[in-house]
Amino acid sequence: MDTAAYKSKVTDAFNEAAAIYDRMGVEFFTPMGRRLVERAAPRPGERVLDIGCGLGATLLPAARLIGPAGRALGIDIAPAMVEEARREARRQGIGNVDVRVMDGEHPDLPARSFDLVLGSYSVIFLPDARAALARFAELLADGGRIAFTSPVFARDTFPFLPPMFTELIPLDLLRHLPESWHPEQLHRQLHSWLEHPADLTAALERAGFTDVEAVDEPVRMTAASGTAWVDWSHTQGMRLLWQHLPEKEAAALRSRLVAALDALREGDGPVRIEVPVRYVTATVAR
């Protein structure tokens, strides 16, 4: 993988989407972030680091729980996302938060300076996430914890989306993506250690963690309509696919998705989709 090119594309995509990211009438990242914080259980006075903080769906709930005696730092590779998260913290009146532009794979932060590292759908996208886990372990004080979320991966399903999308988004569409997002590369990068809980546990233990727990829970994704969901998909990770699809294929995919999603609605009600999410927690082994 050309790591520099990969990170550049990710940064550009999220810079462009920052102003509307997770603000298109679709609920997913916010409830998932809240649930991750519930499972991580930050305590008053703790020091929290959120890797790939986005707009703060995990960072801000954690900051509220640690209270004024604690300190929460969010880092993100996209400057526009950092600015939006900073603005949201001010809007909510949360004063114990700092947000910085930083590469989550190589955080330039002091050793043993945090009690909890969080990452909601972020850690897994680092080019060498397994190596980064060991760096996160070094950032944790003795007894510190890590908590992150991942899709529940399965072979022959479209990555990062609920199973129903496998029939709607042919895997061969990924041929239009940069090489680092082709199926074989995604399998090496993600499925090779995230698909099976035993492999995930082994990766975390090699990185310096113990007491690994992986729990799969559904998050209910809701959207006002099929059109709202498709518009929202242009603001998050799927944006990379939309950007690279030829116009004709993009139009066909949009029509297929809108029709299938609207078919799930009851009358004028919203689209509701159960999305399997894996919540991973572990404690540093010292």
C-alpha atoms as a PDB file:
ATOM      1  CA  MET A   1       0.000   0.000   0.000  1.00  0.00           C
ATOM      2  CA  ASP A   2       1.149   3.544  -0.775  1.00  0.00           C
ATOM      3  CA  THR A   3       0.522   4.801   2.755  1.00  0.00           C
ATOM      4  CA  ALA A   4       1.057   8.471   1.952  1.00  0.00           C
ATOM      5  CA  ALA A   5      -1.389   8.392  -0.963  1.00  0.00           C
ATOM      6  CA  TYR A   6      -3.951   6.484   1.119  1.00  0.00           C
ATOM      7  CA  LYS A   7      -3.814   9.010   3.955  1.00  0.00           C
ATOM      8  CA  SER A   8      -3.946  11.906   1.532  1.00  0.00           C
ATOM      9  CA  LYS A   9      -7.146  10.579  -0.056  1.00  0.00           C
ATOM     10  CA  VAL A  10      -8.745   9.948   3.332  1.00  0.00           C
ATOM     11  CA  THR A  11      -7.782  13.426   4.544  1.00  0.00           C
ATOM     12  CA  ASP A  12      -9.142  15.095   1.417  1.00  0.00           C
ATOM     13  CA  ALA A  13     -12.400  13.143   1.576  1.00  0.00           C
ATOM     14  CA  PHE A  14     -13.103  14.078   5.181  1.00  0.00           C
ATOM     15  CA  ASN A  15     -11.978  17.671   4.789  1.00  0.00           C
ATOM     16  CA  GLU A  16     -14.519  18.053   1.989  1.00  0.00           C
ATOM     17  CA  ALA A  17     -17.278  16.366   3.998  1.00  0.00           C
ATOM     18  CA  ALA A  18     -16.600  17.966   7.389  1.00  0.00           C
ATOM     19  CA  ALA A  19     -19.292  20.644   7.283  1.00  0.00           C
ATOM     20  CA  ILE A  20     -22.072  18.092   6.681  1.00  0.00           C
ATOM     21  CA  TYR A  21     -20.531  14.902   8.073  1.00  0.00           C
ATOM     22  CA  ASP A  22     -23.083  12.968  10.148  1.00  0.00           C
ATOM     23  CA  ARG A  23     -25.531  15.878   9.787  1.00  0.00           C
ATOM     24  CA  MET A  24     -27.765  14.652   6.982  1.00  0.00           C
ATOM     25  CA  GLY A  25     -30.643  13.279   9.015  1.00  0.00           C
ATOM     26  CA  VAL A  26     -29.141   9.798   9.434  1.00  0.00           C
ATOM     27  CA  GLU A  27     -28.464   8.424  12.916  1.00  0.00           C
ATOM     28  CA  PHE A  28     -25.561   5.994  13.220  1.00  0.00           C
ATOM     29  CA  PHE A  29     -22.206   7.386  14.362  1.00  0.00           C
ATOM     30  CA  THR A  30     -23.746   9.294  17.272  1.00  0.00           C
ATOM     31  CA  PRO A  31     -25.544   6.337  18.919  1.00  0.00           C
ATOM     32  CA  MET A  32     -22.571   4.076  18.217  1.00  0.00           C
ATOM     33  CA  GLY A  33     -20.230   6.612  19.820  1.00  0.00           C
ATOM     34  CA  ARG A  34     -22.448   6.912  22.883  1.00  0.00           C
ATOM     35  CA  ARG A  35     -22.593   3.126  23.268  1.00  0.00           C
ATOM     36  CA  LEU A  36     -18.815   2.830  22.939  1.00  0.00           C
ATOM     37  CA  VAL A  37     -18.412   5.359  25.742  1.00  0.00           C
ATOM     38  CA  GLU A  38     -20.886   3.402  27.871  1.00  0.00           C
ATOM     39  CA  ARG A  39     -18.870   0.231  27.394  1.00  0.00           C
ATOM     40  CA  ALA A  40     -15.544   2.004  28.001  1.00  0.00           C
ATOM     41  CA  ALA A  41     -16.933   3.639  31.181  1.00  0.00           C
ATOM     42  CA  PRO A  42     -14.581   6.624  31.573  1.00  0.00           C
ATOM     43  CA  ARG A  43     -14.354   7.734  35.187  1.00  0.00           C
ATOM     44  CA  PRO A  44     -14.275  11.242  36.674  1.00  0.00           C
ATOM     45  CA  GLY A  45     -10.806  12.759  36.469  1.00  0.00           C
ATOM     46  CA  GLU A  46      -9.456  10.391  33.811  1.00  0.00           C
ATOM     47  CA  ARG A  47      -7.402  11.406  30.791  1.00  0.00           C
ATOM     48  CA  VAL A  48      -8.986  10.274  27.526  1.00  0.00           C
ATOM     49  CA  LEU A  49      -7.588  10.139  23.979  1.00  0.00           C
ATOM     50  CA  ASP A  50      -9.965   9.727  21.031  1.00  0.00           C
ATOM     51  CA  ILE A  51      -8.257   8.529  17.835  1.00  0.00           C
ATOM     52  CA  GLY A  52      -9.930   9.848  14.673  1.00  0.00           C
ATOM     53  CA  CYS A  53     -12.400  11.909  16.663  1.00  0.00           C
ATOM     54  CA  GLY A  54     -14.426  13.223  13.716  1.00  0.00           C
ATOM     55  CA  LEU A  55     -17.057  15.649  14.974  1.00  0.00           C
ATOM     56  CA  GLY A  56     -16.848  14.295  18.515  1.00  0.00           C
ATOM     57  CA  ALA A  57     -19.508  11.551  18.620  1.00  0.00           C
ATOM     58  CA  THR A  58     -17.311   9.654  21.106  1.00  0.00           C
ATOM     59  CA  LEU A  59     -15.057  12.432  22.362  1.00  0.00           C
ATOM     60  CA  LEU A  60     -17.764  14.722  23.735  1.00  0.00           C
ATOM     61  CA  PRO A  61     -19.804  12.116  25.669  1.00  0.00           C
ATOM     62  CA  ALA A  62     -16.541  10.862  27.195  1.00  0.00           C
ATOM     63  CA  ALA A  63     -15.551  14.421  28.160  1.00  0.00           C
ATOM     64  CA  ARG A  64     -18.838  14.898  29.976  1.00  0.00           C
ATOM     65  CA  LEU A  65     -18.315  11.738  32.028  1.00  0.00           C
ATOM     66  CA  ILE A  66     -14.758  12.532  33.131  1.00  0.00           C
ATOM     67  CA  GLY A  67     -15.903  15.958  34.296  1.00  0.00           C
ATOM     68  CA  PRO A  68     -13.897  19.121  34.884  1.00  0.00           C
ATOM     69  CA  ALA A  69     -11.134  17.240  36.725  1.00  0.00           C
ATOM     70  CA  GLY A  70     -10.511  15.093  33.622  1.00  0.00           C
ATOM     71  CA  ARG A  71      -9.104  15.958  30.232  1.00  0.00           C
ATOM     72  CA  ALA A  72     -10.153  14.678  26.798  1.00  0.00           C
ATOM     73  CA  LEU A  73      -8.017  15.007  23.681  1.00  0.00           C
ATOM     74  CA  GLY A  74      -9.379  14.279  20.231  1.00  0.00           C
ATOM     75  CA  ILE A  75      -7.070  13.860  17.258  1.00  0.00           C
ATOM     76  CA  ASP A  76      -7.952  13.595  13.584  1.00  0.00           C
ATOM     77  CA  ILE A  77      -5.941  13.673  10.377  1.00  0.00           C
ATOM     78  CA  ALA A  78      -8.418  16.028   8.670  1.00  0.00           C
ATOM     79  CA  PRO A  79      -8.032  19.691   9.745  1.00  0.00           C
ATOM     80  CA  ALA A  80     -11.619  20.544   8.787  1.00  0.00           C
ATOM     81  CA  MET A  81     -12.959  17.783  11.029  1.00  0.00           C
ATOM     82  CA  VAL A  82     -10.829  19.065  13.904  1.00  0.00           C
ATOM     83  CA  GLU A  83     -12.223  22.563  13.488  1.00  0.00           C
ATOM     84  CA  GLU A  84     -15.793  21.272  13.391  1.00  0.00           C
ATOM     85  CA  ALA A  85     -15.227  19.168  16.531  1.00  0.00           C
ATOM     86  CA  ARG A  86     -13.730  22.169  18.308  1.00  0.00           C
ATOM     87  CA  ARG A  87     -16.727  24.262  17.304  1.00  0.00           C
ATOM     88  CA  GLU A  88     -19.144  21.574  18.518  1.00  0.00           C
ATOM     89  CA  ALA A  89     -17.400  21.355  21.898  1.00  0.00           C
ATOM     90  CA  ARG A  90     -17.774  25.115  22.294  1.00  0.00           C
ATOM     91  CA  ARG A  91     -21.415  24.965  21.220  1.00  0.00           C
ATOM     92  CA  GLN A  92     -22.134  22.319  23.871  1.00  0.00           C
ATOM     93  CA  GLY A  93     -20.176  24.216  26.518  1.00  0.00           C
ATOM     94  CA  ILE A  94     -17.706  21.396  27.141  1.00  0.00           C
ATOM     95  CA  GLY A  95     -14.510  23.004  28.385  1.00  0.00           C
ATOM     96  CA  ASN A  96     -12.306  20.010  29.231  1.00  0.00           C
ATOM     97  CA  VAL A  97     -11.655  19.121  25.575  1.00  0.00           C
ATOM     98  CA  ASP A  98      -8.714  19.758  23.279  1.00  0.00           C
ATOM     99  CA  VAL A  99      -8.749  18.813  19.586  1.00  0.00           C
ATOM    100  CA  ARG A 100      -5.642  18.609  17.413  1.00  0.00           C
ATOM    101  CA  VAL A 101      -4.666  17.695  13.864  1.00  0.00           C
ATOM    102  CA  MET A 102      -2.576  14.554  14.196  1.00  0.00           C
ATOM    103  CA  ASP A 103      -1.950  11.246  12.445  1.00  0.00           C
ATOM    104  CA  GLY A 104      -3.625   8.647  14.637  1.00  0.00           C
ATOM    105  CA  GLU A 105      -1.249   5.952  13.444  1.00  0.00           C
ATOM    106  CA  HIS A 106       1.734   7.830  14.894  1.00  0.00           C
ATOM    107  CA  PRO A 107       0.427  10.017  17.728  1.00  0.00           C
ATOM    108  CA  ASP A 108       3.085  12.466  18.905  1.00  0.00           C
ATOM    109  CA  LEU A 109       2.119  12.344  22.566  1.00  0.00           C
ATOM    110  CA  PRO A 110       3.916  11.555  25.842  1.00  0.00           C
ATOM    111  CA  ALA A 111       4.124   7.963  27.053  1.00  0.00           C
ATOM    112  CA  ARG A 112       1.746   6.892  29.816  1.00  0.00           C
ATOM    113  CA  SER A 113      -0.221  10.134  29.607  1.00  0.00           C
ATOM    114  CA  PHE A 114      -3.735   8.669  29.197  1.00  0.00           C
ATOM    115  CA  ASP A 115      -6.043   6.376  31.111  1.00  0.00           C
ATOM    116  CA  LEU A 116      -8.305   5.500  28.183  1.00  0.00           C
ATOM    117  CA  VAL A 117      -7.849   5.385  24.403  1.00  0.00           C
ATOM    118  CA  LEU A 118     -11.007   5.390  22.275  1.00  0.00           C
ATOM    119  CA  GLY A 119     -11.554   4.880  18.561  1.00  0.00           C
ATOM    120  CA  SER A 120     -14.978   4.627  16.936  1.00  0.00           C
ATOM    121  CA  TYR A 121     -14.700   3.222  13.394  1.00  0.00           C
ATOM    122  CA  SER A 122     -11.266   4.847  13.160  1.00  0.00           C
ATOM    123  CA  VAL A 123      -8.488   2.650  14.536  1.00  0.00           C
ATOM    124  CA  ILE A 124      -9.348  -0.093  12.057  1.00  0.00           C
ATOM    125  CA  PHE A 125      -8.690   2.175   9.064  1.00  0.00           C
ATOM    126  CA  LEU A 126      -5.087   2.942   9.965  1.00  0.00           C
ATOM    127  CA  PRO A 127      -2.799   1.435   7.314  1.00  0.00           C
ATOM    128  CA  ASP A 128      -1.012  -0.701   9.936  1.00  0.00           C
ATOM    129  CA  ALA A 129      -3.503  -0.746  12.775  1.00  0.00           C
ATOM    130  CA  ARG A 130      -1.897  -3.696  14.529  1.00  0.00           C
ATOM    131  CA  ALA A 131       1.397  -1.819  14.872  1.00  0.00           C
ATOM    132  CA  ALA A 132      -0.485   1.289  16.012  1.00  0.00           C
ATOM    133  CA  LEU A 133      -2.111  -0.701  18.827  1.00  0.00           C
ATOM    134  CA  ALA A 134       1.304  -1.171  20.413  1.00  0.00           C
ATOM    135  CA  ARG A 135       1.868   2.603  20.259  1.00  0.00           C
ATOM    136  CA  PHE A 136      -1.473   3.152  21.957  1.00  0.00           C
ATOM    137  CA  ALA A 137      -0.427   0.754  24.707  1.00  0.00           C
ATOM    138  CA  GLU A 138       2.632   2.931  25.324  1.00  0.00           C
ATOM    139  CA  LEU A 139       0.412   5.998  25.705  1.00  0.00           C
ATOM    140  CA  LEU A 140      -1.568   4.360  28.495  1.00  0.00           C
ATOM    141  CA  ALA A 141      -0.771   4.584  32.174  1.00  0.00           C
ATOM    142  CA  ASP A 142      -0.579   1.325  34.125  1.00  0.00           C
ATOM    143  CA  GLY A 143      -4.014  -0.261  34.135  1.00  0.00           C
ATOM    144  CA  GLY A 144      -5.176   1.940  31.267  1.00  0.00           C
ATOM    145  CA  ARG A 145      -7.782   0.718  28.779  1.00  0.00           C
ATOM    146  CA  ILE A 146      -8.537   0.807  25.094  1.00  0.00           C
ATOM    147  CA  ALA A 147     -12.008   0.652  23.551  1.00  0.00           C
ATOM    148  CA  PHE A 148     -12.875   0.784  19.864  1.00  0.00           C
ATOM    149  CA  THR A 149     -15.528  -0.259  17.380  1.00  0.00           C
ATOM    150  CA  SER A 150     -15.313  -2.261  14.191  1.00  0.00           C
ATOM    151  CA  PRO A 151     -17.764  -3.553  11.617  1.00  0.00           C
ATOM    152  CA  VAL A 152     -18.576  -7.240  11.981  1.00  0.00           C
ATOM    153  CA  PHE A 153     -16.721  -8.466   8.916  1.00  0.00           C
ATOM    154  CA  ALA A 154     -17.710 -11.539   6.953  1.00  0.00           C
ATOM    155  CA  ARG A 155     -16.324 -12.887   3.708  1.00  0.00           C
ATOM    156  CA  ASP A 156     -18.266 -12.166   0.542  1.00  0.00           C
ATOM    157  CA  THR A 157     -20.140  -9.229   2.050  1.00  0.00           C
ATOM    158  CA  PHE A 158     -19.699  -5.597   1.102  1.00  0.00           C
ATOM    159  CA  PRO A 159     -17.326  -4.094   3.672  1.00  0.00           C
ATOM    160  CA  PHE A 160     -18.463  -1.558   6.295  1.00  0.00           C
ATOM    161  CA  LEU A 161     -22.179  -1.742   5.470  1.00  0.00           C
ATOM    162  CA  PRO A 162     -25.056  -3.891   6.818  1.00  0.00           C
ATOM    163  CA  PRO A 163     -25.409  -7.323   5.155  1.00  0.00           C
ATOM    164  CA  MET A 164     -28.431  -6.231   3.082  1.00  0.00           C
ATOM    165  CA  PHE A 165     -26.140  -3.995   1.017  1.00  0.00           C
ATOM    166  CA  THR A 166     -24.142  -6.935  -0.344  1.00  0.00           C
ATOM    167  CA  GLU A 167     -26.885  -7.664  -2.869  1.00  0.00           C
ATOM    168  CA  LEU A 168     -27.298  -3.980  -3.683  1.00  0.00           C
ATOM    169  CA  ILE A 169     -23.641  -2.976  -4.117  1.00  0.00           C
ATOM    170  CA  PRO A 170     -21.743  -5.527  -6.209  1.00  0.00           C
ATOM    171  CA  LEU A 171     -18.232  -6.121  -4.930  1.00  0.00           C
ATOM    172  CA  ASP A 172     -16.885  -5.646  -8.450  1.00  0.00           C
ATOM    173  CA  LEU A 173     -17.660  -1.921  -8.123  1.00  0.00           C
ATOM    174  CA  LEU A 174     -14.598  -1.740  -5.895  1.00  0.00           C
ATOM    175  CA  ARG A 175     -12.467  -2.104  -9.016  1.00  0.00           C
ATOM    176  CA  HIS A 176     -13.011   1.619  -9.552  1.00  0.00           C
ATOM    177  CA  LEU A 177     -11.368   2.460  -6.242  1.00  0.00           C
ATOM    178  CA  PRO A 178      -7.661   3.121  -5.673  1.00  0.00           C
ATOM    179  CA  GLU A 179      -5.677  -0.092  -5.257  1.00  0.00           C
ATOM    180  CA  SER A 180      -5.518   0.243  -1.467  1.00  0.00           C
ATOM    181  CA  TRP A 181      -9.312  -0.224  -1.344  1.00  0.00           C
ATOM    182  CA  HIS A 182      -9.538  -3.268  -3.622  1.00  0.00           C
ATOM    183  CA  PRO A 183     -11.069  -6.394  -2.027  1.00  0.00           C
ATOM    184  CA  GLU A 184      -7.797  -8.289  -1.732  1.00  0.00           C
ATOM    185  CA  GLN A 185      -6.099  -5.351  -0.010  1.00  0.00           C
ATOM    186  CA  LEU A 186      -9.048  -4.817   2.329  1.00  0.00           C
ATOM    187  CA  HIS A 187      -8.916  -8.491   3.245  1.00  0.00           C
ATOM    188  CA  ARG A 188      -5.225  -8.261   4.120  1.00  0.00           C
ATOM    189  CA  GLN A 189      -5.694  -5.043   6.061  1.00  0.00           C
ATOM    190  CA  LEU A 190      -8.977  -5.757   7.852  1.00  0.00           C
ATOM    191  CA  HIS A 191     -10.350  -9.280   7.646  1.00  0.00           C
ATOM    192  CA  SER A 192      -6.962 -10.829   8.426  1.00  0.00           C
ATOM    193  CA  TRP A 193      -7.221  -9.738  12.072  1.00  0.00           C
ATOM    194  CA  LEU A 194     -10.734  -8.362  12.615  1.00  0.00           C
ATOM    195  CA  GLU A 195     -12.980 -11.031  11.145  1.00  0.00           C
ATOM    196  CA  HIS A 196     -12.471 -13.650  13.857  1.00  0.00           C
ATOM    197  CA  PRO A 197     -12.480 -12.711  17.564  1.00  0.00           C
ATOM    198  CA  ALA A 198      -9.567 -15.066  18.227  1.00  0.00           C
ATOM    199  CA  ASP A 199      -7.376 -13.217  15.716  1.00  0.00           C
ATOM    200  CA  LEU A 200      -8.453  -9.880  17.182  1.00  0.00           C
ATOM    201  CA  THR A 201      -7.582 -11.042  20.679  1.00  0.00           C
ATOM    202  CA  ALA A 202      -4.189 -12.302  19.530  1.00  0.00           C
ATOM    203  CA  ALA A 203      -3.404  -8.970  17.833  1.00  0.00           C
ATOM    204  CA  LEU A 204      -4.233  -7.007  20.973  1.00  0.00           C
ATOM    205  CA  GLU A 205      -2.248  -9.336  23.204  1.00  0.00           C
ATOM    206  CA  ARG A 206       0.802  -9.012  20.938  1.00  0.00           C
ATOM    207  CA  ALA A 207       0.389  -5.228  21.169  1.00  0.00           C
ATOM    208  CA  GLY A 208       0.581  -5.336  24.966  1.00  0.00           C
ATOM    209  CA  PHE A 209      -3.024  -5.725  26.093  1.00  0.00           C
ATOM    210  CA  THR A 210      -4.880  -8.249  28.188  1.00  0.00           C
ATOM    211  CA  ASP A 211      -8.480  -8.956  29.249  1.00  0.00           C
ATOM    212  CA  VAL A 212      -9.670  -8.548  25.664  1.00  0.00           C
ATOM    213  CA  GLU A 213     -13.410  -8.596  25.145  1.00  0.00           C
ATOM    214  CA  ALA A 214     -15.237  -8.375  21.812  1.00  0.00           C
ATOM    215  CA  VAL A 215     -19.009  -7.987  21.939  1.00  0.00           C
ATOM    216  CA  ASP A 216     -21.241  -7.718  18.877  1.00  0.00           C
ATOM    217  CA  GLU A 217     -24.304  -5.517  19.227  1.00  0.00           C
ATOM    218  CA  PRO A 218     -26.593  -3.980  16.619  1.00  0.00           C
ATOM    219  CA  VAL A 219     -26.830  -0.236  16.202  1.00  0.00           C
ATOM    220  CA  ARG A 220     -30.115   0.944  14.719  1.00  0.00           C
ATOM    221  CA  MET A 221     -29.369   3.183  11.767  1.00  0.00           C
ATOM    222  CA  THR A 222     -32.275   5.447  10.870  1.00  0.00           C
ATOM    223  CA  ALA A 223     -32.761   7.677   7.853  1.00  0.00           C
ATOM    224  CA  ALA A 224     -35.689   9.823   6.807  1.00  0.00           C
ATOM    225  CA  SER A 225     -35.774   8.144   3.385  1.00  0.00           C
ATOM    226  CA  GLY A 226     -33.700   6.195   0.905  1.00  0.00           C
ATOM    227  CA  THR A 227     -32.643   9.468  -0.682  1.00  0.00           C
ATOM    228  CA  ALA A 228     -31.522  10.820   2.701  1.00  0.00           C
ATOM    229  CA  TRP A 229     -29.399   7.721   3.293  1.00  0.00           C
ATOM    230  CA  VAL A 230     -27.722   7.936  -0.108  1.00  0.00           C
ATOM    231  CA  ASP A 231     -27.028  11.649   0.330  1.00  0.00           C
ATOM    232  CA  TRP A 232     -25.549  10.891   3.765  1.00  0.00           C
ATOM    233  CA  SER A 233     -23.338   8.148   2.305  1.00  0.00           C
ATOM    234  CA  HIS A 234     -21.548  10.859   0.309  1.00  0.00           C
ATOM    235  CA  THR A 235     -20.334  12.412   3.579  1.00  0.00           C
ATOM    236  CA  GLN A 236     -18.629   9.402   5.186  1.00  0.00           C
ATOM    237  CA  GLY A 237     -16.383   6.504   4.166  1.00  0.00           C
ATOM    238  CA  MET A 238     -18.507   5.488   1.177  1.00  0.00           C
ATOM    239  CA  ARG A 239     -17.710   8.899  -0.296  1.00  0.00           C
ATOM    240  CA  LEU A 240     -14.534   7.369  -1.741  1.00  0.00           C
ATOM    241  CA  LEU A 241     -16.600   4.929  -3.790  1.00  0.00           C
ATOM    242  CA  TRP A 242     -18.961   7.615  -5.089  1.00  0.00           C
ATOM    243  CA  GLN A 243     -16.001   9.770  -6.086  1.00  0.00           C
ATOM    244  CA  HIS A 244     -14.497   7.046  -8.264  1.00  0.00           C
ATOM    245  CA  LEU A 245     -17.588   5.512  -9.858  1.00  0.00           C
ATOM    246  CA  PRO A 246     -18.250   6.413 -13.506  1.00  0.00           C
ATOM    247  CA  GLU A 247     -21.321   8.624 -13.862  1.00  0.00           C
ATOM    248  CA  LYS A 248     -23.522   5.925 -15.382  1.00  0.00           C
ATOM    249  CA  GLU A 249     -22.700   3.345 -12.702  1.00  0.00           C
ATOM    250  CA  ALA A 250     -23.101   5.914  -9.927  1.00  0.00           C
ATOM    251  CA  ALA A 251     -26.571   6.866 -11.178  1.00  0.00           C
ATOM    252  CA  ALA A 252     -27.623   3.213 -11.418  1.00  0.00           C
ATOM    253  CA  LEU A 253     -26.341   2.488  -7.931  1.00  0.00           C
ATOM    254  CA  ARG A 254     -28.109   5.505  -6.497  1.00  0.00           C
ATOM    255  CA  SER A 255     -31.444   4.484  -8.013  1.00  0.00           C
ATOM    256  CA  ARG A 256     -31.046   0.888  -6.807  1.00  0.00           C
ATOM    257  CA  LEU A 257     -30.208   1.948  -3.244  1.00  0.00           C
ATOM    258  CA  VAL A 258     -32.980   4.539  -2.957  1.00  0.00           C
ATOM    259  CA  ALA A 259     -35.609   2.069  -4.166  1.00  0.00           C
ATOM    260  CA  ALA A 260     -34.441  -0.765  -1.890  1.00  0.00           C
ATOM    261  CA  LEU A 261     -34.214   1.460   1.181  1.00  0.00           C
ATOM    262  CA  ASP A 262     -37.586   3.109   0.596  1.00  0.00           C
ATOM    263  CA  ALA A 263     -39.091  -0.374   0.385  1.00  0.00           C
ATOM    264  CA  LEU A 264     -38.135  -0.833   4.063  1.00  0.00           C
ATOM    265  CA  ARG A 265     -40.237   2.134   5.199  1.00  0.00           C
ATOM    266  CA  GLU A 266     -43.667   1.809   6.755  1.00  0.00           C
ATOM    267  CA  GLY A 267     -45.712   4.531   5.117  1.00  0.00           C
ATOM    268  CA  ASP A 268     -43.971   7.853   5.638  1.00  0.00           C
ATOM    269  CA  GLY A 269     -41.846   6.482   8.461  1.00  0.00           C
ATOM    270  CA  PRO A 270     -38.047   6.381   8.428  1.00  0.00           C
ATOM    271  CA  VAL A 271     -35.756   3.696   7.084  1.00  0.00           C
ATOM    272  CA  ARG A 272     -34.537   1.512   9.948  1.00  0.00           C
ATOM    273  CA  ILE A 273     -31.588  -0.842   9.530  1.00  0.00           C
ATOM    274  CA  GLU A 274     -29.914  -2.970  12.187  1.00  0.00           C
ATOM    275  CA  VAL A 275     -26.139  -2.611  11.746  1.00  0.00           C
ATOM    276  CA  PRO A 276     -23.938  -5.197  13.490  1.00  0.00           C
ATOM    277  CA  VAL A 277     -21.083  -3.467  15.340  1.00  0.00           C
ATOM    278  CA  ARG A 278     -18.222  -5.047  17.278  1.00  0.00           C
ATOM    279  CA  TYR A 279     -17.243  -3.312  20.523  1.00  0.00           C
ATOM    280  CA  VAL A 280     -13.702  -4.171  21.599  1.00  0.00           C
ATOM    281  CA  THR A 281     -12.238  -3.446  25.034  1.00  0.00           C
ATOM    282  CA  ALA A 282      -8.900  -4.386  26.600  1.00  0.00           C
ATOM    283  CA  THR A 283      -6.551  -3.372  29.402  1.00  0.00           C
ATOM    284  CA  VAL A 284      -2.868  -2.611  29.030  1.00  0.00           C
ATOM    285  CA  ALA A 285      -0.838  -5.514  30.414  1.00  0.00           C
ATOM    286  CA  ARG A 286       1.050  -3.655  33.160  1.00  0.00           C
END
